[in-house]
């Protein structure tokens, strides 16, 4: 049985013709999103890709083996994690040069999105080989969907990655993201959750109605999604000891526009100090923080004039 026929055996018959009609080039790196917790969330296209691949590069071979076993897929696995990513990219490029199809996956969700994979993708591009993304589950988008903090009128959001570990760095980092006029998504580890919540409560003390979404164990059996005022986070956490366990995604509600605009001067000063023109600084502030172009321009002009007088 060929790889193509084995792949088709996994797929619903009504979809097989569509998959076969697509172009599946050799000498290509297929970046494949996998479930973030619920194995049934994998797409039929992702299954087809994994079966078609000559090998699967993965963050943790044990985690990926569980996924492949669930769908009776048997492929050579190549460990590709943050400690060997740069080196293993060369091995994968050798396979691509031989005309192979290579699938790249992380433990869960989308590779290279706060997960290993980005260096491999960059090296494959630089070597001149194809890269094809197979979309699917993402903790970032799942959390945003469940938060209610995004809309047609205000679609903007930012993914900030993992919260810093050290206290001073964490507080400065949280202060920055709390000032943004868009929803902000971040990850936090369970053993650091309480300290993170303490800092958030302290930093948001003057905004009693500012909300946050806490997503715990998204898509899994004990999934919990809570939307509550930031100042109530510690109370929420203490209500159930189980809430300190699992995988967490946090979504901050966008800052009040008036407050966000009050906080833009430090960034403006930094831009001007690095030689960015008044006009370009105003454009950047308008795009990044939503400050009106006119206000940003006049403020930048005043700051520049003030600095020159000194």
Protein backbone atom coordinates (compact mmCIF):
# COMPACT_ATOMS: atom_id res chain seq x y z
CA UNK A 1 0.00 0.00 0.00
CA UNK A 2 1.39 3.40 -0.99
CA UNK A 3 1.65 6.37 1.39
CA UNK A 4 -1.13 8.09 -0.56
CA UNK A 5 -3.52 5.12 -0.20
CA UNK A 6 -2.73 4.76 3.50
CA UNK A 7 -3.42 8.45 3.98
CA UNK A 8 -6.74 8.22 2.18
CA UNK A 9 -7.78 5.28 4.37
CA UNK A 10 -7.83 7.66 7.34
CA UNK A 11 -10.13 10.15 5.67
CA UNK A 12 -13.88 10.39 5.30
CA UNK A 13 -14.73 9.22 1.78
CA UNK A 14 -16.52 12.46 0.90
CA UNK A 15 -13.31 14.43 1.49
CA UNK A 16 -10.88 12.07 -0.24
CA UNK A 17 -11.41 13.45 -3.73
CA UNK A 18 -10.79 17.01 -2.55
CA UNK A 19 -7.56 16.04 -0.81
CA UNK A 20 -6.31 14.09 -3.82
CA UNK A 21 -6.99 17.03 -6.11
CA UNK A 22 -4.77 19.32 -4.03
CA UNK A 23 -1.08 19.75 -4.80
CA UNK A 24 1.17 17.88 -2.36
CA UNK A 25 4.68 18.71 -3.55
CA UNK A 26 7.71 16.73 -2.49
CA UNK A 27 10.80 18.46 -1.03
CA UNK A 28 8.42 20.42 1.19
CA UNK A 29 8.23 21.16 4.91
CA UNK A 30 4.62 20.87 6.09
CA UNK A 31 4.04 22.83 9.31
CA UNK A 32 1.09 21.05 10.92
CA UNK A 33 -1.11 22.33 13.75
CA UNK A 34 -2.18 19.56 16.14
CA UNK A 35 -4.79 19.39 18.94
CA UNK A 36 -4.17 21.47 22.08
CA UNK A 37 -5.80 18.82 24.25
CA UNK A 38 -8.70 17.11 22.52
CA UNK A 39 -7.43 14.57 19.98
CA UNK A 40 -10.65 14.79 17.98
CA UNK A 41 -9.84 18.40 17.03
CA UNK A 42 -7.30 17.35 14.42
CA UNK A 43 -8.35 18.11 10.85
CA UNK A 44 -8.64 15.52 8.10
CA UNK A 45 -6.13 17.51 6.08
CA UNK A 46 -3.63 17.31 8.97
CA UNK A 47 -4.12 13.54 9.21
CA UNK A 48 -3.59 13.20 5.48
CA UNK A 49 -0.40 15.26 5.73
CA UNK A 50 1.02 13.23 8.61
CA UNK A 51 0.36 9.96 6.78
CA UNK A 52 1.81 11.31 3.55
CA UNK A 53 5.00 12.60 5.19
CA UNK A 54 8.22 10.60 4.99
CA UNK A 55 9.09 11.66 8.55
CA UNK A 56 7.68 13.79 11.37
CA UNK A 57 9.85 16.33 13.19
CA UNK A 58 8.38 16.93 16.64
CA UNK A 59 9.00 18.77 19.90
CA UNK A 60 8.60 15.61 22.01
CA UNK A 61 8.58 12.20 20.36
CA UNK A 62 6.53 10.69 23.20
CA UNK A 63 3.73 13.25 22.90
CA UNK A 64 3.62 12.97 19.11
CA UNK A 65 3.63 9.16 19.28
CA UNK A 66 0.41 9.29 21.31
CA UNK A 67 -1.24 11.35 18.58
CA UNK A 68 0.01 9.13 15.76
CA UNK A 69 -0.98 5.94 17.60
CA UNK A 70 -4.53 7.26 18.03
CA UNK A 71 -4.89 7.32 14.23
CA UNK A 72 -2.70 4.29 13.44
CA UNK A 73 -0.04 6.38 11.72
CA UNK A 74 3.48 4.93 11.73
CA UNK A 75 6.25 7.33 10.77
CA UNK A 76 9.89 7.91 11.74
CA UNK A 77 10.07 10.63 14.40
CA UNK A 78 12.81 13.24 14.60
CA UNK A 79 13.20 15.21 17.85
CA UNK A 80 13.16 18.95 17.07
CA UNK A 81 12.98 20.97 20.29
CA UNK A 82 14.30 24.33 21.50
CA UNK A 83 17.70 22.89 22.46
CA UNK A 84 18.53 21.29 19.10
CA UNK A 85 16.34 23.26 16.69
CA UNK A 86 19.10 25.04 14.81
CA UNK A 87 21.11 21.85 14.29
CA UNK A 88 18.23 19.56 13.37
CA UNK A 89 17.16 22.02 10.68
CA UNK A 90 20.22 20.99 8.66
CA UNK A 91 19.22 17.32 8.91
CA UNK A 92 15.72 18.14 7.72
CA UNK A 93 17.07 20.16 4.81
CA UNK A 94 19.12 17.12 3.75
CA UNK A 95 15.91 15.11 3.65
CA UNK A 96 14.16 17.83 1.66
CA UNK A 97 17.08 17.82 -0.79
CA UNK A 98 16.38 14.11 -1.30
CA UNK A 99 12.80 14.96 -2.28
CA UNK A 100 11.09 13.99 0.96
CA UNK A 101 7.99 15.49 2.53
CA UNK A 102 8.63 16.41 6.18
CA UNK A 103 5.88 17.24 8.68
CA UNK A 104 6.76 19.58 11.57
CA UNK A 105 4.63 19.53 14.73
CA UNK A 106 4.90 20.79 18.30
CA UNK A 107 3.47 19.08 21.39
CA UNK A 108 0.18 20.91 20.89
CA UNK A 109 -1.23 23.66 18.72
CA UNK A 110 0.66 25.59 16.06
CA UNK A 111 4.44 25.08 15.70
CA UNK A 112 6.55 28.26 15.92
CA UNK A 113 3.81 30.12 17.85
CA UNK A 114 5.39 30.33 21.33
CA UNK A 115 6.69 26.83 20.53
CA UNK A 116 9.77 25.47 18.73
CA UNK A 117 9.72 25.47 14.95
CA UNK A 118 10.40 29.05 13.90
CA UNK A 119 14.16 28.54 13.39
CA UNK A 120 13.53 25.43 11.30
CA UNK A 121 10.99 27.21 9.11
CA UNK A 122 13.37 30.15 8.62
CA UNK A 123 16.28 27.88 7.65
CA UNK A 124 14.14 25.90 5.21
CA UNK A 125 13.05 29.14 3.55
CA UNK A 126 16.68 30.31 3.38
CA UNK A 127 17.71 27.01 1.79
CA UNK A 128 15.17 27.56 -0.95
CA UNK A 129 12.70 24.78 -0.14
CA UNK A 130 8.93 24.98 0.07
CA UNK A 131 7.06 25.52 3.33
CA UNK A 132 3.35 24.78 3.57
CA UNK A 133 1.25 25.51 6.68
CA UNK A 134 -1.56 23.14 7.60
CA UNK A 135 -3.80 25.23 9.90
CA UNK A 136 -5.67 23.91 12.89
CA UNK A 137 -6.06 24.24 16.66
CA UNK A 138 -4.48 27.21 18.43
CA UNK A 139 -4.72 28.05 22.12
CA UNK A 140 -4.41 31.75 21.22
CA UNK A 141 -7.43 31.81 18.92
CA UNK A 142 -9.42 29.40 21.10
CA UNK A 143 -9.03 31.71 24.09
CA UNK A 144 -9.87 34.83 22.09
CA UNK A 145 -13.03 33.17 20.75
CA UNK A 146 -14.16 32.34 24.29
CA UNK A 147 -13.34 35.73 25.82
CA UNK A 148 -15.83 38.03 24.11
CA UNK A 149 -13.11 40.71 24.05
CA UNK A 150 -12.93 40.96 20.26
CA UNK A 151 -15.54 42.17 17.79
CA UNK A 152 -16.02 43.38 14.22
CA UNK A 153 -15.65 46.95 15.47
CA UNK A 154 -12.56 46.18 17.59
CA UNK A 155 -10.88 43.14 16.02
CA UNK A 156 -7.35 43.94 17.14
CA UNK A 157 -5.49 41.72 19.59
CA UNK A 158 -1.92 40.92 20.59
CA UNK A 159 -0.30 37.64 21.58
CA UNK A 160 2.29 38.33 24.28
CA UNK A 161 3.53 34.76 24.89
CA UNK A 162 4.54 33.51 28.33
CA UNK A 163 4.54 35.84 31.34
CA UNK A 164 8.13 36.48 32.57
CA UNK A 165 9.24 34.53 35.60
CA UNK A 166 11.11 37.12 37.70
CA UNK A 167 9.00 39.54 39.71
CA UNK A 168 10.36 42.91 38.51
CA UNK A 169 10.39 41.83 34.88
CA UNK A 170 6.89 40.37 35.25
CA UNK A 171 5.44 43.55 36.77
CA UNK A 172 6.96 45.81 34.08
CA UNK A 173 5.80 43.41 31.36
CA UNK A 174 2.25 43.23 32.74
CA UNK A 175 2.11 47.01 33.17
CA UNK A 176 2.98 47.44 29.51
CA UNK A 177 0.35 45.00 28.26
CA UNK A 178 -2.29 46.38 30.62
CA UNK A 179 -1.88 49.76 28.91
CA UNK A 180 -2.70 48.46 25.42
CA UNK A 181 -6.01 49.43 23.77
CA UNK A 182 -6.51 45.91 22.37
CA UNK A 183 -7.17 42.48 23.85
CA UNK A 184 -3.93 40.78 24.94
CA UNK A 185 -3.47 37.01 25.13
CA UNK A 186 -0.77 35.44 27.29
CA UNK A 187 0.28 32.05 28.66
CA UNK A 188 1.13 31.28 32.28
CA UNK A 189 2.46 28.17 34.03
CA UNK A 190 0.38 26.74 36.91
CA UNK A 191 3.19 26.98 39.48
CA UNK A 192 3.53 30.74 38.82
CA UNK A 193 -0.16 31.52 38.46
CA UNK A 194 -0.74 32.86 41.98
CA UNK A 195 2.17 35.32 41.83
CA UNK A 196 1.04 36.51 38.42
CA UNK A 197 -2.50 37.06 39.72
CA UNK A 198 -1.17 39.04 42.71
CA UNK A 199 0.68 41.40 40.38
CA UNK A 200 -2.33 41.78 38.08
CA UNK A 201 -4.63 42.63 41.00
CA UNK A 202 -2.16 45.21 42.28
CA UNK A 203 -1.56 46.80 38.88
CA UNK A 204 -5.26 46.95 38.01
CA UNK A 205 -6.38 48.29 41.40
CA UNK A 206 -7.52 51.59 39.89
CA UNK A 207 -9.64 49.83 37.26
CA UNK A 208 -12.24 47.86 39.25
CA UNK A 209 -14.29 46.96 36.17
CA UNK A 210 -11.37 45.87 33.94
CA UNK A 211 -11.89 42.20 33.06
CA UNK A 212 -9.78 39.18 32.26
CA UNK A 213 -10.59 35.77 30.84
CA UNK A 214 -8.95 32.77 32.44
CA UNK A 215 -8.93 29.68 30.26
CA UNK A 216 -7.86 26.51 32.05
CA UNK A 217 -7.33 23.20 30.26
CA UNK A 218 -8.91 24.48 27.03
CA UNK A 219 -10.61 21.73 24.96
CA UNK A 220 -9.82 19.11 27.62
CA UNK A 221 -12.12 17.17 29.94
CA UNK A 222 -11.86 19.64 32.84
CA UNK A 223 -11.94 22.81 30.75
CA UNK A 224 -12.86 25.93 32.68
CA UNK A 225 -13.46 29.39 31.21
CA UNK A 226 -14.08 32.33 33.52
CA UNK A 227 -14.54 36.02 32.66
CA UNK A 228 -14.26 38.23 35.74
CA UNK A 229 -12.87 41.56 37.00
CA UNK A 230 -9.11 41.39 37.39
CA UNK A 231 -9.38 42.48 41.03
CA UNK A 232 -11.30 39.25 41.78
CA UNK A 233 -8.65 36.89 40.44
CA UNK A 234 -7.24 35.76 43.80
CA UNK A 235 -10.73 35.12 45.19
CA UNK A 236 -11.55 33.04 42.11
CA UNK A 237 -8.35 31.05 42.49
CA UNK A 238 -8.93 30.30 46.18
CA UNK A 239 -12.46 28.97 45.61
CA UNK A 240 -11.15 25.66 44.24
CA UNK A 241 -7.69 24.19 44.77
CA UNK A 242 -7.96 22.40 41.42
CA UNK A 243 -7.78 25.78 39.71
CA UNK A 244 -4.03 25.93 40.31
CA UNK A 245 -3.52 22.89 38.06
CA UNK A 246 -3.44 22.57 34.29
CA UNK A 247 -2.55 24.68 31.28
CA UNK A 248 -3.58 28.37 31.36
CA UNK A 249 -4.32 31.02 28.77
CA UNK A 250 -5.20 34.54 29.95
CA UNK A 251 -6.90 37.24 27.91
CA UNK A 252 -6.79 40.85 29.12
CA UNK A 253 -9.65 43.11 28.15
CA UNK A 254 -8.51 46.12 26.11
CA UNK A 255 -7.47 49.14 28.15
CA UNK A 256 -9.82 52.07 28.33
CA UNK A 257 -8.89 54.29 25.38
CA UNK A 258 -8.50 57.40 27.53
CA UNK A 259 -6.13 55.61 29.88
CA UNK A 260 -4.15 54.13 27.01
CA UNK A 261 -3.63 57.55 25.51
CA UNK A 262 -2.34 58.91 28.81
CA UNK A 263 0.43 56.30 28.77
CA UNK A 264 1.88 56.91 25.33
CA UNK A 265 4.43 59.63 26.12
CA UNK A 266 7.20 57.24 27.30
CA UNK A 267 7.03 55.37 23.98
CA UNK A 268 6.98 58.66 22.07
CA UNK A 269 10.07 59.89 23.91
CA UNK A 270 11.84 56.61 23.15
CA UNK A 271 11.05 56.86 19.43
CA UNK A 272 12.27 60.45 19.22
CA UNK A 273 15.42 59.60 21.18
CA UNK A 274 16.26 56.96 18.56
CA UNK A 275 15.99 59.43 15.72
CA UNK A 276 12.49 58.62 14.48
CA UNK A 277 10.92 61.71 12.92
CA UNK A 278 7.97 63.51 14.51
CA UNK A 279 5.70 62.50 11.64
CA UNK A 280 6.75 58.83 11.70
CA UNK A 281 6.50 58.70 15.50
CA UNK A 282 2.92 59.95 15.26
CA UNK A 283 2.12 57.29 12.66
CA UNK A 284 3.57 54.55 14.86
CA UNK A 285 1.58 55.68 17.91
CA UNK A 286 -1.61 55.85 15.88
CA UNK A 287 -1.10 52.33 14.58
CA UNK A 288 0.14 50.68 17.78
CA UNK A 289 -1.84 52.49 20.49
CA UNK A 290 -4.79 54.03 18.69
CA UNK A 291 -3.79 57.61 19.53
CA UNK A 292 -5.19 60.14 17.07
CA UNK A 293 -2.63 61.22 14.46
CA UNK A 294 -3.08 64.93 15.19
CA UNK A 295 -2.69 64.54 18.94
CA UNK A 296 0.34 62.28 18.59
CA UNK A 297 1.95 64.67 16.08
CA UNK A 298 1.49 67.80 18.23
CA UNK A 299 2.67 65.98 21.37
CA UNK A 300 5.75 64.68 19.55
CA UNK A 301 6.47 68.16 18.20
CA UNK A 302 6.19 69.67 21.69
CA UNK A 303 8.47 66.99 23.15
CA UNK A 304 11.07 67.55 20.44
CA UNK A 305 10.98 71.34 20.86
CA UNK A 306 11.27 70.96 24.63
CA UNK A 307 14.30 68.70 24.26
CA UNK A 308 16.02 71.11 21.83
CA UNK A 309 15.51 74.04 24.21
CA UNK A 310 17.40 72.14 26.88
